[in-house]
Amino acid sequence: MPGGRALHLSRYEFASRFYWQALRRLVTPEQLPELSRRLAEALVRLYGHEQVLVSRLLSELYTAAHDMDQAARHQSTAQLQATADGMELVGMVPLSTSGLAGLAPPAQAGARHSPPHTAE
């Protein structure tokens, strides 16, 4: 629950690949980086501390936006999540998605990765 509130998100797909192709033709290659960046930033705001849930998508969007630092950060988080999911699947480590979210690097622009904080 990002920000302590329940999210009810739906996943959509186009009824036909032709609709997607028509929409893609409306966006010029020059517009794509800016639109990708804006969508990535909107997802970061929406998911907050639960960005791990969309880290692979964020990596792709930041790559399209030519922001390779952000793309690499989210790709690293996505790989960490995939590893944790695999370990949980085979019963090695009981991790939850929300628990792993604490390991994700800070969301602020220009922020550097810091180790996870431990409760004392």
N, C-alpha and C. Protein backbone atom coordinates (compact mmCIF):
# COMPACT_ATOMS: atom_id res chain seq x y z
N MET A 1 0.83 -1.18 0.00
CA MET A 1 0.00 0.00 0.00
C MET A 1 0.87 1.24 0.00
N PRO A 2 1.12 1.85 -1.12
CA PRO A 2 1.91 3.07 -1.16
C PRO A 2 1.29 4.17 -0.32
N GLY A 3 2.11 4.81 0.49
CA GLY A 3 1.63 5.93 1.29
C GLY A 3 0.61 5.53 2.33
N GLY A 4 0.51 4.23 2.66
CA GLY A 4 -0.43 3.79 3.68
C GLY A 4 -1.88 3.76 3.22
N ARG A 5 -2.12 3.91 1.94
CA ARG A 5 -3.50 3.87 1.45
C ARG A 5 -3.62 2.75 0.43
N ALA A 6 -4.78 2.17 0.38
CA ALA A 6 -5.00 1.07 -0.55
C ALA A 6 -5.06 1.59 -1.98
N LEU A 7 -4.42 0.86 -2.87
CA LEU A 7 -4.47 1.19 -4.29
C LEU A 7 -5.30 0.15 -5.01
N HIS A 8 -6.12 0.59 -5.88
CA HIS A 8 -6.90 -0.32 -6.70
C HIS A 8 -6.56 0.01 -8.15
N LEU A 9 -5.59 -0.70 -8.68
CA LEU A 9 -5.12 -0.45 -10.02
C LEU A 9 -5.62 -1.54 -10.96
N SER A 10 -5.88 -1.15 -12.15
CA SER A 10 -6.30 -2.10 -13.17
C SER A 10 -5.25 -2.15 -14.25
N ARG A 11 -5.11 -3.30 -14.84
CA ARG A 11 -4.18 -3.45 -15.96
C ARG A 11 -5.01 -3.55 -17.22
N TYR A 12 -4.64 -2.76 -18.18
CA TYR A 12 -5.38 -2.72 -19.44
C TYR A 12 -4.51 -3.18 -20.58
N GLU A 13 -5.14 -3.69 -21.59
CA GLU A 13 -4.43 -3.96 -22.83
C GLU A 13 -5.38 -3.62 -23.98
N PHE A 14 -4.80 -3.38 -25.11
CA PHE A 14 -5.61 -3.02 -26.27
C PHE A 14 -6.35 -4.25 -26.78
N ALA A 15 -7.56 -4.05 -27.22
CA ALA A 15 -8.37 -5.14 -27.75
C ALA A 15 -7.76 -5.68 -29.04
N SER A 16 -7.04 -4.86 -29.72
CA SER A 16 -6.41 -5.27 -30.97
C SER A 16 -5.05 -4.60 -31.08
N ARG A 17 -4.11 -5.32 -31.63
CA ARG A 17 -2.78 -4.72 -31.81
C ARG A 17 -2.84 -3.56 -32.79
N PHE A 18 -3.85 -3.48 -33.61
CA PHE A 18 -3.98 -2.39 -34.57
C PHE A 18 -4.25 -1.06 -33.87
N TYR A 19 -4.99 -1.11 -32.76
CA TYR A 19 -5.23 0.12 -31.99
C TYR A 19 -3.90 0.64 -31.42
N TRP A 20 -3.10 -0.27 -30.90
CA TRP A 20 -1.81 0.11 -30.34
C TRP A 20 -0.92 0.69 -31.44
N GLN A 21 -0.90 0.06 -32.59
CA GLN A 21 -0.07 0.55 -33.69
C GLN A 21 -0.52 1.94 -34.15
N ALA A 22 -1.83 2.16 -34.18
CA ALA A 22 -2.34 3.48 -34.57
C ALA A 22 -1.93 4.53 -33.55
N LEU A 23 -2.03 4.20 -32.28
CA LEU A 23 -1.63 5.13 -31.23
C LEU A 23 -0.14 5.43 -31.30
N ARG A 24 0.67 4.41 -31.52
CA ARG A 24 2.12 4.60 -31.62
C ARG A 24 2.50 5.56 -32.75
N ARG A 25 1.71 5.57 -33.80
CA ARG A 25 2.01 6.46 -34.93
C ARG A 25 1.73 7.92 -34.60
N LEU A 26 0.93 8.16 -33.57
CA LEU A 26 0.64 9.53 -33.17
C LEU A 26 1.78 10.15 -32.37
N VAL A 27 2.60 9.32 -31.77
CA VAL A 27 3.73 9.80 -30.96
C VAL A 27 4.98 9.77 -31.83
N THR A 28 5.57 10.93 -32.01
CA THR A 28 6.78 11.01 -32.82
C THR A 28 7.98 10.53 -32.01
N PRO A 29 9.03 10.08 -32.67
CA PRO A 29 10.24 9.67 -31.96
C PRO A 29 10.80 10.79 -31.07
N GLU A 30 10.60 12.03 -31.48
CA GLU A 30 11.08 13.16 -30.69
C GLU A 30 10.28 13.31 -29.39
N GLN A 31 9.00 12.94 -29.40
CA GLN A 31 8.14 13.06 -28.22
C GLN A 31 8.31 11.91 -27.24
N LEU A 32 8.74 10.77 -27.72
CA LEU A 32 8.78 9.57 -26.89
C LEU A 32 9.62 9.71 -25.62
N PRO A 33 10.84 10.27 -25.66
CA PRO A 33 11.61 10.40 -24.41
C PRO A 33 10.89 11.23 -23.35
N GLU A 34 10.31 12.35 -23.72
CA GLU A 34 9.63 13.20 -22.74
C GLU A 34 8.38 12.51 -22.20
N LEU A 35 7.61 11.89 -23.06
CA LEU A 35 6.42 11.18 -22.60
C LEU A 35 6.79 10.00 -21.70
N SER A 36 7.86 9.30 -22.03
CA SER A 36 8.34 8.20 -21.19
C SER A 36 8.77 8.69 -19.83
N ARG A 37 9.48 9.81 -19.80
CA ARG A 37 9.93 10.37 -18.53
C ARG A 37 8.74 10.78 -17.67
N ARG A 38 7.76 11.43 -18.28
CA ARG A 38 6.58 11.87 -17.53
C ARG A 38 5.79 10.70 -16.98
N LEU A 39 5.66 9.64 -17.76
CA LEU A 39 4.95 8.46 -17.28
C LEU A 39 5.71 7.79 -16.14
N ALA A 40 7.03 7.69 -16.28
CA ALA A 40 7.85 7.11 -15.21
C ALA A 40 7.71 7.93 -13.92
N GLU A 41 7.77 9.24 -14.01
CA GLU A 41 7.63 10.08 -12.82
C GLU A 41 6.26 9.94 -12.19
N ALA A 42 5.22 9.79 -13.00
CA ALA A 42 3.87 9.59 -12.46
C ALA A 42 3.79 8.26 -11.71
N LEU A 43 4.41 7.22 -12.26
CA LEU A 43 4.41 5.92 -11.59
C LEU A 43 5.20 5.97 -10.28
N VAL A 44 6.30 6.70 -10.27
CA VAL A 44 7.10 6.86 -9.05
C VAL A 44 6.26 7.53 -7.97
N ARG A 45 5.53 8.58 -8.34
CA ARG A 45 4.67 9.25 -7.35
C ARG A 45 3.54 8.34 -6.88
N LEU A 46 2.95 7.60 -7.79
CA LEU A 46 1.83 6.73 -7.45
C LEU A 46 2.26 5.59 -6.54
N TYR A 47 3.36 4.94 -6.86
CA TYR A 47 3.77 3.77 -6.10
C TYR A 47 4.62 4.10 -4.88
N GLY A 48 5.21 5.28 -4.84
CA GLY A 48 5.98 5.68 -3.66
C GLY A 48 6.98 4.62 -3.22
N HIS A 49 6.84 4.15 -1.99
CA HIS A 49 7.78 3.18 -1.42
C HIS A 49 7.59 1.78 -1.99
N GLU A 50 6.57 1.57 -2.79
CA GLU A 50 6.32 0.26 -3.39
C GLU A 50 6.75 0.22 -4.86
N GLN A 51 7.69 1.05 -5.24
CA GLN A 51 8.16 1.11 -6.63
C GLN A 51 8.71 -0.21 -7.12
N VAL A 52 9.12 -1.08 -6.20
CA VAL A 52 9.63 -2.38 -6.59
C VAL A 52 8.61 -3.14 -7.43
N LEU A 53 7.35 -2.86 -7.23
CA LEU A 53 6.29 -3.54 -7.98
C LEU A 53 6.32 -3.19 -9.47
N VAL A 54 6.86 -2.04 -9.82
CA VAL A 54 6.90 -1.61 -11.22
C VAL A 54 8.33 -1.27 -11.66
N SER A 55 9.31 -1.82 -10.97
CA SER A 55 10.71 -1.45 -11.24
C SER A 55 11.15 -1.80 -12.66
N ARG A 56 10.72 -2.94 -13.19
CA ARG A 56 11.13 -3.29 -14.55
C ARG A 56 10.55 -2.30 -15.56
N LEU A 57 9.28 -1.95 -15.38
CA LEU A 57 8.65 -0.96 -16.27
C LEU A 57 9.34 0.39 -16.14
N LEU A 58 9.66 0.80 -14.91
CA LEU A 58 10.35 2.07 -14.72
C LEU A 58 11.71 2.06 -15.42
N SER A 59 12.41 0.94 -15.36
CA SER A 59 13.69 0.85 -16.05
C SER A 59 13.52 1.04 -17.55
N GLU A 60 12.50 0.41 -18.12
CA GLU A 60 12.25 0.55 -19.55
C GLU A 60 11.87 1.99 -19.91
N LEU A 61 11.03 2.61 -19.09
CA LEU A 61 10.61 3.98 -19.37
C LEU A 61 11.77 4.96 -19.27
N TYR A 62 12.60 4.82 -18.24
CA TYR A 62 13.74 5.71 -18.10
C TYR A 62 14.77 5.47 -19.21
N THR A 63 14.89 4.23 -19.69
CA THR A 63 15.76 3.97 -20.83
C THR A 63 15.25 4.72 -22.07
N ALA A 64 13.94 4.64 -22.30
CA ALA A 64 13.35 5.36 -23.44
C ALA A 64 13.50 6.87 -23.28
N ALA A 65 13.56 7.33 -22.03
CA ALA A 65 13.72 8.76 -21.75
C ALA A 65 15.19 9.18 -21.76
N HIS A 66 16.08 8.23 -22.02
CA HIS A 66 17.53 8.48 -22.06
C HIS A 66 18.09 8.90 -20.70
N ASP A 67 17.46 8.47 -19.61
CA ASP A 67 17.96 8.72 -18.27
C ASP A 67 18.56 7.41 -17.76
N MET A 68 19.80 7.17 -18.14
CA MET A 68 20.42 5.88 -17.89
C MET A 68 20.71 5.63 -16.41
N ASP A 69 20.93 6.68 -15.62
CA ASP A 69 21.14 6.48 -14.18
C ASP A 69 19.88 5.92 -13.53
N GLN A 70 18.74 6.54 -13.82
CA GLN A 70 17.47 6.05 -13.25
C GLN A 70 17.15 4.66 -13.81
N ALA A 71 17.40 4.45 -15.09
CA ALA A 71 17.13 3.15 -15.71
C ALA A 71 17.94 2.05 -15.01
N ALA A 72 19.21 2.32 -14.77
CA ALA A 72 20.08 1.33 -14.12
C ALA A 72 19.63 1.07 -12.69
N ARG A 73 19.22 2.11 -11.99
CA ARG A 73 18.76 1.95 -10.60
C ARG A 73 17.54 1.06 -10.54
N HIS A 74 16.58 1.30 -11.42
CA HIS A 74 15.35 0.50 -11.40
C HIS A 74 15.59 -0.91 -11.95
N GLN A 75 16.52 -1.05 -12.89
CA GLN A 75 16.87 -2.38 -13.39
C GLN A 75 17.49 -3.20 -12.26
N SER A 76 18.35 -2.59 -11.47
CA SER A 76 18.96 -3.27 -10.34
C SER A 76 17.89 -3.73 -9.34
N THR A 77 16.93 -2.85 -9.06
CA THR A 77 15.84 -3.21 -8.15
C THR A 77 15.01 -4.36 -8.72
N ALA A 78 14.74 -4.32 -10.03
CA ALA A 78 13.96 -5.39 -10.67
C ALA A 78 14.71 -6.72 -10.57
N GLN A 79 16.02 -6.70 -10.77
CA GLN A 79 16.80 -7.94 -10.68
C GLN A 79 16.82 -8.47 -9.25
N LEU A 80 16.93 -7.58 -8.29
CA LEU A 80 16.90 -7.97 -6.89
C LEU A 80 15.55 -8.61 -6.55
N GLN A 81 14.47 -8.01 -7.04
CA GLN A 81 13.13 -8.54 -6.80
C GLN A 81 12.98 -9.92 -7.45
N ALA A 82 13.47 -10.08 -8.67
CA ALA A 82 13.37 -11.37 -9.35
C ALA A 82 14.15 -12.44 -8.59
N THR A 83 15.31 -12.09 -8.08
CA THR A 83 16.10 -13.03 -7.29
C THR A 83 15.35 -13.42 -6.01
N ALA A 84 14.79 -12.43 -5.33
CA ALA A 84 14.04 -12.70 -4.09
C ALA A 84 12.82 -13.56 -4.38
N ASP A 85 12.12 -13.26 -5.49
CA ASP A 85 10.95 -14.06 -5.86
C ASP A 85 11.35 -15.51 -6.12
N GLY A 86 12.47 -15.70 -6.81
CA GLY A 86 12.95 -17.05 -7.09
C GLY A 86 13.33 -17.79 -5.83
N MET A 87 13.98 -17.10 -4.91
CA MET A 87 14.36 -17.73 -3.64
C MET A 87 13.13 -18.09 -2.83
N GLU A 88 12.14 -17.23 -2.84
CA GLU A 88 10.92 -17.50 -2.11
C GLU A 88 10.18 -18.68 -2.73
N LEU A 89 10.18 -18.74 -4.06
CA LEU A 89 9.50 -19.80 -4.79
C LEU A 89 10.04 -21.18 -4.41
N VAL A 90 11.36 -21.28 -4.27
CA VAL A 90 11.95 -22.57 -3.93
C VAL A 90 12.06 -22.76 -2.42
N GLY A 91 11.49 -21.85 -1.66
CA GLY A 91 11.43 -21.99 -0.21
C GLY A 91 12.71 -21.65 0.52
N MET A 92 13.62 -20.95 -0.12
CA MET A 92 14.88 -20.61 0.53
C MET A 92 14.72 -19.48 1.53
N VAL A 93 14.00 -18.43 1.14
CA VAL A 93 13.88 -17.25 1.97
C VAL A 93 12.45 -16.75 1.90
N PRO A 94 11.77 -16.60 3.04
CA PRO A 94 10.40 -16.05 3.00
C PRO A 94 10.43 -14.53 2.96
N LEU A 95 10.36 -13.96 1.75
CA LEU A 95 10.34 -12.52 1.58
C LEU A 95 9.00 -12.10 1.03
N SER A 96 8.54 -10.94 1.43
CA SER A 96 7.34 -10.38 0.83
C SER A 96 7.76 -9.22 -0.05
N THR A 97 6.92 -8.86 -1.01
CA THR A 97 7.22 -7.73 -1.89
C THR A 97 7.41 -6.47 -1.08
N SER A 98 6.52 -6.25 -0.10
CA SER A 98 6.64 -5.03 0.68
C SER A 98 7.91 -5.02 1.52
N GLY A 99 8.35 -6.20 1.97
CA GLY A 99 9.59 -6.27 2.73
C GLY A 99 10.78 -5.93 1.87
N LEU A 100 10.78 -6.39 0.63
CA LEU A 100 11.87 -6.10 -0.28
C LEU A 100 11.88 -4.65 -0.70
N ALA A 101 10.71 -4.00 -0.68
CA ALA A 101 10.64 -2.60 -1.10
C ALA A 101 11.57 -1.73 -0.25
N GLY A 102 11.80 -2.12 0.99
CA GLY A 102 12.71 -1.36 1.84
C GLY A 102 14.15 -1.39 1.36
N LEU A 103 14.47 -2.36 0.50
CA LEU A 103 15.83 -2.45 -0.03
C LEU A 103 16.03 -1.59 -1.27
N ALA A 104 14.93 -1.11 -1.85
CA ALA A 104 15.01 -0.31 -3.07
C ALA A 104 15.69 1.02 -2.76
N PRO A 105 16.49 1.52 -3.68
CA PRO A 105 17.15 2.81 -3.49
C PRO A 105 16.13 3.93 -3.34
N PRO A 106 16.53 5.06 -2.72
CA PRO A 106 15.63 6.19 -2.53
C PRO A 106 15.06 6.69 -3.86
N ALA A 107 13.86 7.25 -3.82
CA ALA A 107 13.16 7.66 -5.05
C ALA A 107 13.49 9.08 -5.48
N GLN A 108 14.17 9.87 -4.66
CA GLN A 108 14.42 11.26 -5.01
C GLN A 108 15.35 11.35 -6.21
N ALA A 109 15.13 12.36 -7.04
CA ALA A 109 15.97 12.58 -8.20
C ALA A 109 17.39 12.85 -7.74
N GLY A 110 18.33 12.18 -8.36
CA GLY A 110 19.74 12.38 -8.03
C GLY A 110 20.16 11.68 -6.75
N ALA A 111 19.25 10.94 -6.12
CA ALA A 111 19.58 10.26 -4.86
C ALA A 111 20.54 9.11 -5.14
N ARG A 112 21.37 8.81 -4.21
CA ARG A 112 22.31 7.70 -4.32
C ARG A 112 21.81 6.54 -3.47
N HIS A 113 22.19 5.36 -3.88
CA HIS A 113 21.78 4.15 -3.14
C HIS A 113 22.44 4.15 -1.77
N SER A 114 21.65 3.81 -0.76
CA SER A 114 22.19 3.66 0.58
C SER A 114 21.74 2.31 1.12
N PRO A 115 22.50 1.73 2.05
CA PRO A 115 22.10 0.43 2.57
C PRO A 115 20.78 0.54 3.32
N PRO A 116 20.04 -0.59 3.42
CA PRO A 116 18.76 -0.54 4.13
C PRO A 116 18.99 -0.21 5.60
N HIS A 117 18.02 0.47 6.18
CA HIS A 117 18.08 0.84 7.58
C HIS A 117 17.57 -0.32 8.42
N THR A 118 18.18 -0.49 9.59
CA THR A 118 17.73 -1.54 10.49
C THR A 118 17.10 -0.90 11.70
N ALA A 119 16.06 -1.54 12.21
CA ALA A 119 15.40 -1.03 13.41
C ALA A 119 16.24 -1.35 14.63
N GLU A 120 16.35 -0.41 15.53
CA GLU A 120 17.14 -0.63 16.75
C GLU A 120 16.25 -0.58 17.96
